[in-house]
Amino acid sequence: MISRKMMTGTVFVITFLAACGPAPVKQQPRVQVPVTEDSTFLTGTFFVVRHAEKNPGADSTLTEAGLKRAGKLYRILKDSGITRIYSTPFRRTLQTGDSLRILGNIDTALYKPDSTGESLLYEISRNNDWGKKILVIGHSNTLIPILRSLNTFPRDTIGENDYNFLFMVYKGRKLSKVIRTRY
């Protein structure tokens, strides 16, 4: 059996150590890791479009004209070497890329529409898709922020009735090029 003096001594030692707090941990200075020359971050070929014409409603489908436009987008991009489609989770954006997804057997990744393009950049990084050819399908209020997040500086605005812009962004480590066309 433990004696009363031993118990008192043990409680004293535990109390004393607890009052002293944890031993100070020497913080190692953070070392910045330089981006190497062969880094592919923010590189690749990006085909950026707005979803095609839509029916009224918050999560609507494409109209007949929208389905035709989606088919035209497929015909333009079917031989472009796209390896992944990035779309918001809305039916109209998913339908815009469906022909390419189904006929081209291309995976689709979802991103959240935002006013900065950060969600798209995060998903591209998460899927290790930098340096590849990607189709991005967005909305009238997200295309310009997406183009800016790719370090391009478009002078365009996308109106509520503009469904036919196709931005082709070619991003290398040192040079970038943006071509805007209509389809």
N, C-alpha and C. Protein backbone atom coordinates (compact mmCIF):
# COMPACT_ATOMS: atom_id res chain seq x y z
N MET A 1 0.83 -1.17 0.00
CA MET A 1 0.00 0.00 0.00
C MET A 1 0.89 1.24 0.00
N ILE A 2 0.45 2.29 -0.71
CA ILE A 2 1.24 3.51 -0.81
C ILE A 2 1.01 4.33 0.44
N SER A 3 2.13 4.82 0.96
CA SER A 3 2.01 5.62 2.18
C SER A 3 1.49 7.01 1.86
N ARG A 4 0.97 7.65 2.89
CA ARG A 4 0.40 8.99 2.73
C ARG A 4 1.48 9.99 2.33
N LYS A 5 2.71 9.86 2.86
CA LYS A 5 3.80 10.78 2.52
C LYS A 5 4.18 10.64 1.04
N MET A 6 4.20 9.39 0.54
CA MET A 6 4.54 9.18 -0.87
C MET A 6 3.49 9.81 -1.78
N MET A 7 2.23 9.65 -1.42
CA MET A 7 1.16 10.22 -2.21
C MET A 7 1.24 11.74 -2.22
N THR A 8 1.52 12.33 -1.07
CA THR A 8 1.63 13.78 -0.98
C THR A 8 2.80 14.26 -1.81
N GLY A 9 3.90 13.55 -1.77
CA GLY A 9 5.08 13.91 -2.56
C GLY A 9 4.80 13.82 -4.05
N THR A 10 4.10 12.79 -4.47
CA THR A 10 3.76 12.61 -5.88
C THR A 10 2.84 13.72 -6.35
N VAL A 11 1.84 14.07 -5.55
CA VAL A 11 0.91 15.15 -5.91
C VAL A 11 1.68 16.47 -6.00
N PHE A 12 2.66 16.69 -5.08
CA PHE A 12 3.46 17.91 -5.10
C PHE A 12 4.27 18.00 -6.39
N VAL A 13 4.91 16.92 -6.79
CA VAL A 13 5.74 16.91 -8.00
C VAL A 13 4.87 17.16 -9.24
N ILE A 14 3.72 16.51 -9.32
CA ILE A 14 2.83 16.70 -10.48
C ILE A 14 2.33 18.13 -10.53
N THR A 15 1.96 18.70 -9.38
CA THR A 15 1.48 20.07 -9.32
C THR A 15 2.58 21.03 -9.72
N PHE A 16 3.80 20.81 -9.24
CA PHE A 16 4.93 21.67 -9.56
C PHE A 16 5.23 21.64 -11.06
N LEU A 17 5.24 20.46 -11.66
CA LEU A 17 5.52 20.34 -13.10
C LEU A 17 4.41 20.98 -13.93
N ALA A 18 3.17 20.83 -13.49
CA ALA A 18 2.06 21.43 -14.23
C ALA A 18 2.12 22.95 -14.16
N ALA A 19 2.56 23.49 -13.02
CA ALA A 19 2.64 24.94 -12.87
C ALA A 19 3.76 25.53 -13.72
N CYS A 20 4.77 24.77 -14.00
CA CYS A 20 5.87 25.26 -14.81
C CYS A 20 5.50 25.39 -16.29
N GLY A 21 4.49 24.63 -16.71
CA GLY A 21 4.06 24.70 -18.11
C GLY A 21 4.96 23.84 -18.97
N PRO A 22 4.63 23.75 -20.21
CA PRO A 22 5.43 22.92 -21.11
C PRO A 22 6.78 23.57 -21.38
N ALA A 23 7.72 22.73 -21.68
CA ALA A 23 9.05 23.23 -22.00
C ALA A 23 8.97 24.03 -23.29
N PRO A 24 9.67 25.16 -23.37
CA PRO A 24 9.61 25.97 -24.60
C PRO A 24 10.16 25.18 -25.78
N VAL A 25 9.44 25.28 -26.89
CA VAL A 25 9.86 24.60 -28.11
C VAL A 25 10.53 25.64 -29.01
N LYS A 26 11.72 25.31 -29.43
CA LYS A 26 12.44 26.23 -30.29
C LYS A 26 11.85 26.14 -31.70
N GLN A 27 11.32 27.27 -32.17
CA GLN A 27 10.70 27.33 -33.49
C GLN A 27 11.79 27.41 -34.56
N GLN A 28 11.66 26.54 -35.53
CA GLN A 28 12.57 26.60 -36.66
C GLN A 28 12.05 27.67 -37.62
N PRO A 29 12.92 28.51 -38.13
CA PRO A 29 12.44 29.54 -39.06
C PRO A 29 11.87 28.87 -40.32
N ARG A 30 10.78 29.46 -40.84
CA ARG A 30 10.19 28.93 -42.07
C ARG A 30 11.10 29.23 -43.24
N VAL A 31 11.30 28.24 -44.03
CA VAL A 31 12.15 28.38 -45.21
C VAL A 31 11.23 28.45 -46.42
N GLN A 32 11.39 29.50 -47.21
CA GLN A 32 10.60 29.60 -48.42
C GLN A 32 11.14 28.64 -49.46
N VAL A 33 10.22 27.91 -50.07
CA VAL A 33 10.62 26.99 -51.12
C VAL A 33 10.42 27.69 -52.45
N PRO A 34 11.50 27.92 -53.18
CA PRO A 34 11.35 28.63 -54.46
C PRO A 34 10.63 27.76 -55.48
N VAL A 35 9.86 28.40 -56.34
CA VAL A 35 9.22 27.70 -57.44
C VAL A 35 10.30 27.43 -58.48
N THR A 36 10.45 26.18 -58.83
CA THR A 36 11.51 25.83 -59.77
C THR A 36 11.11 26.17 -61.18
N GLU A 37 12.07 26.23 -62.04
CA GLU A 37 11.84 26.60 -63.43
C GLU A 37 10.95 25.59 -64.15
N ASP A 38 10.96 24.32 -63.68
CA ASP A 38 10.15 23.33 -64.37
C ASP A 38 8.76 23.21 -63.75
N SER A 39 8.38 24.14 -62.92
CA SER A 39 7.06 24.11 -62.30
C SER A 39 5.98 24.31 -63.36
N THR A 40 4.90 23.56 -63.22
CA THR A 40 3.80 23.70 -64.18
C THR A 40 2.65 24.51 -63.61
N PHE A 41 2.78 25.02 -62.38
CA PHE A 41 1.69 25.80 -61.78
C PHE A 41 1.32 26.98 -62.66
N LEU A 42 0.04 27.15 -62.89
CA LEU A 42 -0.52 28.20 -63.75
C LEU A 42 -0.06 28.09 -65.20
N THR A 43 0.22 26.88 -65.65
CA THR A 43 0.55 26.67 -67.05
C THR A 43 -0.48 25.73 -67.65
N GLY A 44 -0.57 25.74 -68.94
CA GLY A 44 -1.48 24.84 -69.64
C GLY A 44 -2.24 25.59 -70.71
N THR A 45 -3.17 24.89 -71.31
CA THR A 45 -4.07 25.47 -72.30
C THR A 45 -5.47 25.38 -71.73
N PHE A 46 -6.15 26.52 -71.67
CA PHE A 46 -7.47 26.60 -71.07
C PHE A 46 -8.45 27.12 -72.11
N PHE A 47 -9.50 26.36 -72.33
CA PHE A 47 -10.61 26.79 -73.18
C PHE A 47 -11.72 27.20 -72.21
N VAL A 48 -12.03 28.48 -72.16
CA VAL A 48 -12.97 29.01 -71.17
C VAL A 48 -14.22 29.50 -71.88
N VAL A 49 -15.37 28.95 -71.50
CA VAL A 49 -16.65 29.33 -72.11
C VAL A 49 -17.71 29.52 -71.04
N ARG A 50 -18.72 30.26 -71.41
CA ARG A 50 -19.92 30.35 -70.59
C ARG A 50 -20.85 29.22 -71.02
N HIS A 51 -21.69 28.78 -70.12
CA HIS A 51 -22.68 27.76 -70.51
C HIS A 51 -23.52 28.29 -71.67
N ALA A 52 -24.12 27.39 -72.40
CA ALA A 52 -24.95 27.78 -73.55
C ALA A 52 -26.31 28.31 -73.07
N GLU A 53 -27.15 28.72 -74.01
CA GLU A 53 -28.44 29.33 -73.70
C GLU A 53 -29.25 28.43 -72.77
N LYS A 54 -29.88 29.05 -71.77
CA LYS A 54 -30.57 28.29 -70.73
C LYS A 54 -32.04 28.66 -70.64
N ASN A 55 -32.81 27.74 -70.09
CA ASN A 55 -34.20 28.00 -69.76
C ASN A 55 -34.25 28.84 -68.49
N PRO A 56 -35.39 29.48 -68.19
CA PRO A 56 -35.51 30.25 -66.95
C PRO A 56 -35.40 29.34 -65.72
N GLY A 57 -34.90 29.90 -64.63
CA GLY A 57 -34.81 29.16 -63.38
C GLY A 57 -33.41 29.14 -62.83
N ALA A 58 -33.33 28.84 -61.54
CA ALA A 58 -32.04 28.88 -60.84
C ALA A 58 -31.09 27.78 -61.32
N ASP A 59 -31.57 26.56 -61.45
CA ASP A 59 -30.73 25.45 -61.91
C ASP A 59 -31.38 24.85 -63.15
N SER A 60 -31.42 25.64 -64.20
CA SER A 60 -32.17 25.27 -65.39
C SER A 60 -31.34 24.44 -66.36
N THR A 61 -32.04 23.88 -67.31
CA THR A 61 -31.41 23.11 -68.38
C THR A 61 -31.20 24.02 -69.59
N LEU A 62 -30.59 23.48 -70.62
CA LEU A 62 -30.36 24.25 -71.84
C LEU A 62 -31.61 24.27 -72.72
N THR A 63 -31.76 25.36 -73.44
CA THR A 63 -32.83 25.47 -74.43
C THR A 63 -32.41 24.68 -75.67
N GLU A 64 -33.28 24.63 -76.65
CA GLU A 64 -32.95 23.98 -77.93
C GLU A 64 -31.74 24.67 -78.57
N ALA A 65 -31.73 26.01 -78.54
CA ALA A 65 -30.58 26.75 -79.08
C ALA A 65 -29.32 26.44 -78.27
N GLY A 66 -29.47 26.28 -76.97
CA GLY A 66 -28.33 25.95 -76.12
C GLY A 66 -27.76 24.57 -76.43
N LEU A 67 -28.63 23.62 -76.68
CA LEU A 67 -28.17 22.27 -77.05
C LEU A 67 -27.42 22.30 -78.38
N LYS A 68 -27.89 23.11 -79.32
CA LYS A 68 -27.19 23.25 -80.61
C LYS A 68 -25.83 23.89 -80.40
N ARG A 69 -25.77 24.91 -79.53
CA ARG A 69 -24.49 25.58 -79.25
C ARG A 69 -23.52 24.60 -78.58
N ALA A 70 -24.02 23.79 -77.66
CA ALA A 70 -23.17 22.79 -77.00
C ALA A 70 -22.61 21.80 -78.03
N GLY A 71 -23.44 21.43 -79.01
CA GLY A 71 -22.96 20.56 -80.09
C GLY A 71 -21.89 21.23 -80.94
N LYS A 72 -22.07 22.51 -81.18
CA LYS A 72 -21.05 23.27 -81.94
C LYS A 72 -19.74 23.34 -81.16
N LEU A 73 -19.83 23.54 -79.84
CA LEU A 73 -18.63 23.56 -79.00
C LEU A 73 -17.91 22.21 -79.09
N TYR A 74 -18.67 21.13 -79.07
CA TYR A 74 -18.07 19.80 -79.22
C TYR A 74 -17.32 19.69 -80.55
N ARG A 75 -17.95 20.11 -81.63
CA ARG A 75 -17.31 20.00 -82.94
C ARG A 75 -16.03 20.83 -83.02
N ILE A 76 -16.00 21.98 -82.35
CA ILE A 76 -14.81 22.84 -82.36
C ILE A 76 -13.68 22.22 -81.54
N LEU A 77 -14.01 21.62 -80.39
CA LEU A 77 -12.98 21.18 -79.44
C LEU A 77 -12.70 19.68 -79.44
N LYS A 78 -13.40 18.90 -80.23
CA LYS A 78 -13.28 17.43 -80.14
C LYS A 78 -11.86 16.93 -80.42
N ASP A 79 -11.09 17.62 -81.23
CA ASP A 79 -9.73 17.19 -81.56
C ASP A 79 -8.67 18.04 -80.87
N SER A 80 -9.05 18.77 -79.83
CA SER A 80 -8.11 19.70 -79.19
C SER A 80 -7.22 19.05 -78.14
N GLY A 81 -7.48 17.82 -77.76
CA GLY A 81 -6.64 17.15 -76.76
C GLY A 81 -7.01 17.48 -75.32
N ILE A 82 -8.23 17.93 -75.08
CA ILE A 82 -8.66 18.26 -73.72
C ILE A 82 -8.63 17.00 -72.86
N THR A 83 -8.04 17.13 -71.67
CA THR A 83 -7.91 15.99 -70.77
C THR A 83 -8.91 16.01 -69.62
N ARG A 84 -9.50 17.17 -69.33
CA ARG A 84 -10.51 17.25 -68.27
C ARG A 84 -11.39 18.46 -68.51
N ILE A 85 -12.64 18.32 -68.10
CA ILE A 85 -13.60 19.41 -68.17
C ILE A 85 -13.86 19.88 -66.75
N TYR A 86 -13.78 21.19 -66.52
CA TYR A 86 -14.13 21.78 -65.23
C TYR A 86 -15.44 22.54 -65.39
N SER A 87 -16.40 22.19 -64.56
CA SER A 87 -17.73 22.76 -64.65
C SER A 87 -18.25 23.08 -63.26
N THR A 88 -19.12 24.08 -63.18
CA THR A 88 -19.84 24.30 -61.93
C THR A 88 -20.91 23.21 -61.83
N PRO A 89 -21.50 23.00 -60.67
CA PRO A 89 -22.44 21.88 -60.51
C PRO A 89 -23.85 22.14 -61.06
N PHE A 90 -24.05 23.19 -61.81
CA PHE A 90 -25.37 23.49 -62.34
C PHE A 90 -25.64 22.68 -63.61
N ARG A 91 -26.92 22.33 -63.82
CA ARG A 91 -27.28 21.50 -64.97
C ARG A 91 -26.90 22.15 -66.29
N ARG A 92 -27.04 23.45 -66.41
CA ARG A 92 -26.75 24.12 -67.69
C ARG A 92 -25.26 24.05 -68.03
N THR A 93 -24.38 24.14 -67.03
CA THR A 93 -22.95 24.04 -67.32
C THR A 93 -22.56 22.60 -67.63
N LEU A 94 -23.12 21.66 -66.89
CA LEU A 94 -22.83 20.25 -67.16
C LEU A 94 -23.32 19.84 -68.54
N GLN A 95 -24.52 20.29 -68.92
CA GLN A 95 -25.05 19.96 -70.24
C GLN A 95 -24.22 20.58 -71.36
N THR A 96 -23.64 21.74 -71.13
CA THR A 96 -22.82 22.39 -72.15
C THR A 96 -21.61 21.52 -72.51
N GLY A 97 -21.07 20.82 -71.53
CA GLY A 97 -19.90 19.97 -71.78
C GLY A 97 -20.22 18.50 -71.99
N ASP A 98 -21.50 18.13 -71.94
CA ASP A 98 -21.87 16.71 -72.02
C ASP A 98 -21.40 16.02 -73.30
N SER A 99 -21.53 16.66 -74.44
CA SER A 99 -21.12 15.99 -75.70
C SER A 99 -19.64 15.65 -75.65
N LEU A 100 -18.83 16.59 -75.22
CA LEU A 100 -17.39 16.35 -75.14
C LEU A 100 -17.08 15.29 -74.08
N ARG A 101 -17.79 15.35 -72.96
CA ARG A 101 -17.58 14.38 -71.88
C ARG A 101 -17.93 12.97 -72.34
N ILE A 102 -19.09 12.83 -72.96
CA ILE A 102 -19.57 11.49 -73.33
C ILE A 102 -18.85 10.97 -74.57
N LEU A 103 -18.84 11.74 -75.66
CA LEU A 103 -18.25 11.26 -76.91
C LEU A 103 -16.73 11.23 -76.86
N GLY A 104 -16.14 12.16 -76.09
CA GLY A 104 -14.69 12.20 -75.97
C GLY A 104 -14.16 11.40 -74.80
N ASN A 105 -15.07 10.83 -74.00
CA ASN A 105 -14.70 10.05 -72.81
C ASN A 105 -13.74 10.85 -71.91
N ILE A 106 -14.16 12.06 -71.57
CA ILE A 106 -13.34 12.98 -70.78
C ILE A 106 -13.97 13.16 -69.40
N ASP A 107 -13.18 13.04 -68.36
CA ASP A 107 -13.67 13.23 -67.00
C ASP A 107 -14.05 14.68 -66.76
N THR A 108 -15.05 14.87 -65.89
CA THR A 108 -15.48 16.19 -65.48
C THR A 108 -15.19 16.37 -63.99
N ALA A 109 -14.63 17.51 -63.64
CA ALA A 109 -14.40 17.88 -62.24
C ALA A 109 -15.26 19.11 -61.95
N LEU A 110 -15.81 19.17 -60.76
CA LEU A 110 -16.66 20.29 -60.39
C LEU A 110 -15.87 21.32 -59.59
N TYR A 111 -16.24 22.58 -59.77
CA TYR A 111 -15.70 23.65 -58.95
C TYR A 111 -16.84 24.56 -58.57
N LYS A 112 -16.67 25.33 -57.52
CA LYS A 112 -17.70 26.24 -57.07
C LYS A 112 -17.57 27.57 -57.80
N PRO A 113 -18.69 28.09 -58.32
CA PRO A 113 -18.59 29.40 -58.97
C PRO A 113 -18.33 30.48 -57.92
N ASP A 114 -17.32 31.29 -58.14
CA ASP A 114 -17.03 32.38 -57.20
C ASP A 114 -16.56 33.61 -57.98
N SER A 115 -16.41 34.69 -57.29
CA SER A 115 -16.05 35.95 -57.95
C SER A 115 -14.54 36.15 -58.04
N THR A 116 -13.75 35.13 -57.70
CA THR A 116 -12.30 35.26 -57.74
C THR A 116 -11.61 34.22 -58.63
N GLY A 117 -12.25 33.10 -58.89
CA GLY A 117 -11.62 32.02 -59.63
C GLY A 117 -10.81 31.10 -58.76
N GLU A 118 -10.76 31.35 -57.45
CA GLU A 118 -9.93 30.55 -56.55
C GLU A 118 -10.37 29.10 -56.46
N SER A 119 -11.67 28.85 -56.49
CA SER A 119 -12.16 27.48 -56.40
C SER A 119 -11.68 26.66 -57.60
N LEU A 120 -11.69 27.27 -58.77
CA LEU A 120 -11.19 26.58 -59.95
C LEU A 120 -9.70 26.26 -59.82
N LEU A 121 -8.91 27.25 -59.40
CA LEU A 121 -7.46 27.02 -59.24
C LEU A 121 -7.19 25.91 -58.23
N TYR A 122 -7.96 25.90 -57.15
CA TYR A 122 -7.81 24.86 -56.13
C TYR A 122 -8.08 23.48 -56.72
N GLU A 123 -9.17 23.36 -57.47
CA GLU A 123 -9.53 22.06 -58.04
C GLU A 123 -8.52 21.60 -59.08
N ILE A 124 -8.01 22.53 -59.88
CA ILE A 124 -6.98 22.15 -60.85
C ILE A 124 -5.74 21.64 -60.13
N SER A 125 -5.36 22.31 -59.06
CA SER A 125 -4.20 21.85 -58.27
C SER A 125 -4.47 20.50 -57.63
N ARG A 126 -5.66 20.36 -57.05
CA ARG A 126 -6.03 19.12 -56.37
C ARG A 126 -6.00 17.93 -57.33
N ASN A 127 -6.38 18.16 -58.58
CA ASN A 127 -6.40 17.09 -59.58
C ASN A 127 -5.10 16.98 -60.37
N ASN A 128 -4.12 17.80 -60.01
CA ASN A 128 -2.81 17.77 -60.67
C ASN A 128 -2.96 17.96 -62.19
N ASP A 129 -3.74 18.97 -62.59
CA ASP A 129 -4.01 19.21 -64.00
C ASP A 129 -3.27 20.40 -64.59
N TRP A 130 -2.33 20.98 -63.88
CA TRP A 130 -1.57 22.09 -64.46
C TRP A 130 -0.72 21.55 -65.60
N GLY A 131 -0.58 22.37 -66.64
CA GLY A 131 0.21 21.98 -67.80
C GLY A 131 -0.58 21.17 -68.82
N LYS A 132 -1.86 20.94 -68.57
CA LYS A 132 -2.68 20.13 -69.46
C LYS A 132 -3.67 21.01 -70.22
N LYS A 133 -4.43 20.39 -71.10
CA LYS A 133 -5.48 21.08 -71.86
C LYS A 133 -6.81 20.86 -71.15
N ILE A 134 -7.46 21.97 -70.80
CA ILE A 134 -8.65 21.93 -69.95
C ILE A 134 -9.75 22.79 -70.54
N LEU A 135 -10.98 22.28 -70.47
CA LEU A 135 -12.16 23.07 -70.80
C LEU A 135 -12.78 23.54 -69.49
N VAL A 136 -13.01 24.84 -69.38
CA VAL A 136 -13.64 25.42 -68.19
C VAL A 136 -14.98 26.01 -68.63
N ILE A 137 -16.06 25.56 -67.97
CA ILE A 137 -17.40 26.06 -68.29
C ILE A 137 -17.90 26.82 -67.07
N GLY A 138 -18.21 28.10 -67.29
CA GLY A 138 -18.63 28.96 -66.18
C GLY A 138 -19.89 29.74 -66.51
N HIS A 139 -19.99 30.89 -65.88
CA HIS A 139 -21.18 31.74 -65.97
C HIS A 139 -20.77 33.15 -66.39
N SER A 140 -21.76 33.97 -66.76
CA SER A 140 -21.45 35.32 -67.24
C SER A 140 -20.70 36.14 -66.20
N ASN A 141 -20.98 35.92 -64.92
CA ASN A 141 -20.32 36.70 -63.88
C ASN A 141 -19.04 36.05 -63.33
N THR A 142 -18.66 34.88 -63.85
CA THR A 142 -17.44 34.23 -63.35
C THR A 142 -16.34 34.11 -64.39
N LEU A 143 -16.64 34.30 -65.67
CA LEU A 143 -15.61 34.11 -66.69
C LEU A 143 -14.46 35.10 -66.56
N ILE A 144 -14.76 36.36 -66.40
CA ILE A 144 -13.69 37.37 -66.29
C ILE A 144 -12.84 37.11 -65.03
N PRO A 145 -13.43 36.85 -63.85
CA PRO A 145 -12.59 36.50 -62.69
C PRO A 145 -11.74 35.25 -62.93
N ILE A 146 -12.26 34.27 -63.65
CA ILE A 146 -11.47 33.07 -63.96
C ILE A 146 -10.28 33.45 -64.84
N LEU A 147 -10.51 34.25 -65.86
CA LEU A 147 -9.42 34.67 -66.74
C LEU A 147 -8.38 35.48 -65.96
N ARG A 148 -8.83 36.32 -65.04
CA ARG A 148 -7.88 37.09 -64.21
C ARG A 148 -7.10 36.16 -63.28
N SER A 149 -7.75 35.13 -62.75
CA SER A 149 -7.04 34.20 -61.86
C SER A 149 -5.96 33.43 -62.60
N LEU A 150 -6.08 33.34 -63.91
CA LEU A 150 -5.04 32.72 -64.74
C LEU A 150 -3.99 33.74 -65.18
N ASN A 151 -4.01 34.91 -64.55
CA ASN A 151 -3.07 36.00 -64.81
C ASN A 151 -3.17 36.53 -66.23
N THR A 152 -4.37 36.55 -66.76
CA THR A 152 -4.62 37.23 -68.02
C THR A 152 -5.49 38.44 -67.70
N PHE A 153 -5.48 39.40 -68.54
CA PHE A 153 -6.19 40.64 -68.24
C PHE A 153 -7.14 40.99 -69.38
N PRO A 154 -8.26 40.29 -69.42
CA PRO A 154 -9.22 40.54 -70.51
C PRO A 154 -9.89 41.89 -70.36
N ARG A 155 -10.18 42.50 -71.49
CA ARG A 155 -10.87 43.79 -71.47
C ARG A 155 -12.36 43.61 -71.72
N ASP A 156 -12.77 42.39 -71.90
CA ASP A 156 -14.17 42.10 -72.22
C ASP A 156 -15.05 42.10 -70.98
N THR A 157 -16.32 42.22 -71.24
CA THR A 157 -17.33 41.92 -70.24
C THR A 157 -18.27 40.90 -70.88
N ILE A 158 -18.88 40.10 -70.06
CA ILE A 158 -19.79 39.08 -70.57
C ILE A 158 -21.19 39.51 -70.18
N GLY A 159 -22.01 39.82 -71.17
CA GLY A 159 -23.37 40.25 -70.91
C GLY A 159 -24.28 39.07 -70.61
N GLU A 160 -25.44 39.38 -70.12
CA GLU A 160 -26.41 38.34 -69.75
C GLU A 160 -26.85 37.51 -70.95
N ASN A 161 -26.78 38.08 -72.14
CA ASN A 161 -27.20 37.35 -73.34
C ASN A 161 -26.03 36.92 -74.22
N ASP A 162 -24.80 36.99 -73.70
CA ASP A 162 -23.62 36.56 -74.45
C ASP A 162 -23.30 35.11 -74.11
N TYR A 163 -23.55 34.22 -75.05
CA TYR A 163 -23.30 32.80 -74.84
C TYR A 163 -22.23 32.26 -75.77
N ASN A 164 -21.73 33.09 -76.66
CA ASN A 164 -20.89 32.56 -77.73
C ASN A 164 -19.41 32.91 -77.64
N PHE A 165 -18.92 33.37 -76.50
CA PHE A 165 -17.49 33.65 -76.36
C PHE A 165 -16.73 32.37 -76.06
N LEU A 166 -15.59 32.20 -76.71
CA LEU A 166 -14.64 31.14 -76.40
C LEU A 166 -13.29 31.81 -76.21
N PHE A 167 -12.78 31.73 -74.99
CA PHE A 167 -11.45 32.26 -74.69
C PHE A 167 -10.48 31.10 -74.68
N MET A 168 -9.40 31.22 -75.46
CA MET A 168 -8.35 30.22 -75.47
C MET A 168 -7.12 30.85 -74.81
N VAL A 169 -6.74 30.30 -73.68
CA VAL A 169 -5.63 30.83 -72.90
C VAL A 169 -4.47 29.85 -73.00
N TYR A 170 -3.36 30.31 -73.54
CA TYR A 170 -2.15 29.51 -73.64
C TYR A 170 -1.16 30.07 -72.62
N LYS A 171 -0.87 29.29 -71.58
CA LYS A 171 -0.02 29.77 -70.49
C LYS A 171 1.25 28.94 -70.41
N GLY A 172 2.35 29.59 -70.69
CA GLY A 172 3.64 28.97 -70.47
C GLY A 172 4.25 29.53 -69.20
N ARG A 173 5.46 29.13 -68.89
CA ARG A 173 6.12 29.66 -67.69
C ARG A 173 6.44 31.13 -67.84
N LYS A 174 6.74 31.55 -69.06
CA LYS A 174 7.16 32.94 -69.23
C LYS A 174 6.20 33.75 -70.10
N LEU A 175 5.54 33.10 -71.03
CA LEU A 175 4.66 33.82 -71.94
C LEU A 175 3.23 33.31 -71.83
N SER A 176 2.30 34.24 -72.00
CA SER A 176 0.88 33.90 -72.01
C SER A 176 0.24 34.54 -73.22
N LYS A 177 -0.80 33.89 -73.71
CA LYS A 177 -1.51 34.42 -74.86
C LYS A 177 -2.98 34.11 -74.69
N VAL A 178 -3.82 35.08 -74.96
CA VAL A 178 -5.27 34.89 -74.89
C VAL A 178 -5.86 35.22 -76.25
N ILE A 179 -6.65 34.31 -76.75
CA ILE A 179 -7.36 34.53 -78.00
C ILE A 179 -8.85 34.44 -77.69
N ARG A 180 -9.57 35.48 -78.09
CA ARG A 180 -11.01 35.49 -77.90
C ARG A 180 -11.67 35.30 -79.25
N THR A 181 -12.61 34.38 -79.29
CA THR A 181 -13.33 34.14 -80.52
C THR A 181 -14.80 33.91 -80.16
N ARG A 182 -15.61 33.89 -81.18
CA ARG A 182 -17.03 33.57 -80.98
C ARG A 182 -17.32 32.27 -81.71
N TYR A 183 -18.25 31.52 -81.18
CA TYR A 183 -18.62 30.26 -81.85
C TYR A 183 -20.13 30.13 -81.89
